[in-house]
Amino acid sequence: MRAITLIESFLQSRAAKNCRPKTISWYGMILYPFARDFPELPARPEMIEAYLAPRGPEPETKHAYY
């Protein structure tokens, strides 16, 4: 499945739930680089974990990204 398709769907769902435009923009800023690096969703969680690893050791940081 294409990552960009899921991201666009997610952002539309946030707009439908009346999230603030700034919040939706922030989600996009975080998620679009993931879609660039993984146009197709990875089949294994290890690939996503490796992508998240350099983004900070704190679980809260990783949670903020995804």
Protein backbone atom coordinates (compact mmCIF):
# COMPACT_ATOMS: atom_id res chain seq x y z
CA MET A 1 0.00 0.00 0.00
CA ARG A 2 1.22 3.50 -0.81
CA ALA A 3 2.20 5.54 2.23
CA ILE A 4 1.13 8.83 0.63
CA THR A 5 -2.40 7.50 0.16
CA LEU A 6 -2.69 6.66 3.84
CA ILE A 7 -1.19 9.98 4.90
CA GLU A 8 -3.61 11.95 2.74
CA SER A 9 -6.51 9.93 4.14
CA PHE A 10 -5.31 10.55 7.69
CA LEU A 11 -4.94 14.30 7.12
CA GLN A 12 -8.42 14.46 5.61
CA SER A 13 -9.82 12.60 8.62
CA ARG A 14 -8.18 15.13 10.96
CA ALA A 15 -9.76 17.98 8.99
CA ALA A 16 -13.14 16.25 9.23
CA LYS A 17 -12.67 16.09 13.01
CA ASN A 18 -12.08 19.85 13.03
CA CYS A 19 -8.42 19.71 13.97
CA ARG A 20 -6.75 23.07 13.64
CA PRO A 21 -5.02 23.75 10.33
CA LYS A 22 -1.73 24.23 12.17
CA THR A 23 -2.07 20.76 13.71
CA ILE A 24 -2.83 19.18 10.34
CA SER A 25 0.15 20.99 8.84
CA TRP A 26 2.39 19.66 11.62
CA TYR A 27 1.17 16.11 10.99
CA GLY A 28 2.02 16.55 7.31
CA MET A 29 5.46 17.94 8.13
CA ILE A 30 6.17 14.82 10.16
CA LEU A 31 4.54 12.23 7.89
CA TYR A 32 5.52 13.33 4.38
CA PRO A 33 9.25 12.61 4.91
CA PHE A 34 8.28 9.08 5.95
CA ALA A 35 6.33 8.68 2.69
CA ARG A 36 9.34 9.99 0.76
CA ASP A 37 11.61 7.39 2.38
CA PHE A 38 9.02 4.60 2.22
CA PRO A 39 6.74 5.12 -0.79
CA GLU A 40 5.36 1.65 -0.15
CA LEU A 41 4.65 0.77 3.46
CA PRO A 42 7.33 -1.51 4.89
CA ALA A 43 6.31 -5.13 5.28
CA ARG A 44 8.21 -5.53 8.54
CA PRO A 45 8.10 -3.41 11.70
CA GLU A 46 11.90 -3.54 11.97
CA MET A 47 12.18 -1.21 8.99
CA ILE A 48 9.97 1.38 10.71
CA GLU A 49 11.86 0.94 13.98
CA ALA A 50 15.14 1.58 12.15
CA TYR A 51 13.63 4.73 10.62
CA LEU A 52 12.52 5.99 14.05
CA ALA A 53 15.73 5.08 15.91
CA PRO A 54 17.76 8.23 15.07
CA ARG A 55 14.86 10.53 15.93
CA GLY A 56 15.52 10.44 19.64
CA PRO A 57 15.72 7.90 22.40
CA GLU A 58 12.65 9.08 24.27
CA PRO A 59 9.38 7.23 23.58
CA GLU A 60 7.54 10.57 23.63
CA THR A 61 9.68 11.83 20.75
CA LYS A 62 8.92 8.78 18.65
CA HIS A 63 5.25 8.99 19.58
CA ALA A 64 5.18 12.59 18.40
CA TYR A 65 6.53 11.50 15.04
CA TYR A 66 4.06 8.62 14.63
